[in-house]
Amino acid sequence: MAMKIAAYHPINTLKSVDANIWVVDGPIIHFKNFPFPTRMTVVRLSSGGLFVHSPTALTKELKSEVDRLGPVRHLISPNKIHYWWIGEWGDAYPDALKWASPGVRLSAQKQGWEFDRDLGEKAESAWRDDIDQIIVHGGRFMEEVVFIHKSSRTLILADLIENFEPRMVQSPIMRWLLKLAGNSDPDGKLPIDLRLSYWGRHREISRAVNGMLEWEPDRVIVAHGRWYESNGVAELRRAFRWVKGVRETV
C-alpha cells in the first residue's frame, strides 16, 4: 500500500515568520520508503546576506523570491540527512558557503560535490550577532546542529522534533506507525529509533536541551510536520521529557 502524506501548500514559496525570518514548505520526499514533508528556514542577517537552513527544492519562482531578500551567503546542513538540495543551491549560488554538519561530508561526495566548511561548537563570526548554535552530541546515528534566531527568539530544528499531523496522512497504517514512533501531533518528539540512539548518552543531549531552554524560544521550527508558532519553551519540555537531566527551570 502506497503511503501518502499531504504537503503544506502553498509549497516552494516564502512564508513570513517574523522580521527577517521565513520558512519555505517544500515537496514531499521519500526516505526509507516513508513520505516526509520538507521545510527550510531563511534568515536575513544584519549584513544583508541570507542564511539558508536545510534547503528544499529550488524552483525558478522560489529563486526569484529569495533573490529579492538579499544575496545567499550560507547554505546549512543541520544533520547528515538534511543536505540533499545543498549541491543544487550551491550551483545556483556559487558565492555561498556550504556548511557541513557532523558526518555529512561523505554523503555529499557521493553526489559529486563538496562542502566548503564545517559547523563548529560555537556560532560563526558571519552570523553570531544574529544566530547562536549548539551541536547536539551523543546520538550513535545522528548529531544535529540547532540554531536560535535571537531577535525573533525562534529555535530552528530539523529532526530533533518531528510532528506529523494525522489529518494530513492518508494511510491509517502510517498514522498508527507515526503514533507508535512518537512523532505524531500534538505530541511530536524525536522518533523512537533516534531516541534509542541516545541510550546511555543522556548527559550529552540533556546538556544541549538545557542550552536550548536557556535561549527561551518563543517559536520552534521543525522540518517535518506542524511547527510551533508559540509556547516554545513548553513545547521543548514536552518533546524532550524522555531526556534525563533536563532542568525544570532555567
Foldseek 3Di string as FASTA:
>chain_A
DQWDFDWDPPALAWDDLDPQKTKGWHDWDADPSHTFTFMWMWGQAPVQEIAIELDHDHDPVSVVRVVVSGHHAEYEDFKQVRDVCVVVVCVVRVNHAYEDEPPNQVVVVVVPDGGDYYDDQFDDPVHNVFKTWHWQDQFPVMIGIWMAGQVQLEIEEEQQWAEAEPVRIDDPVVQVVCVVQQRYPPRTGRGVVRVVSNVVPLVRRLVVLLVSVVSVGQWYDYTGHDTGSGPVNVSSCRRVVVRPPNDPHD
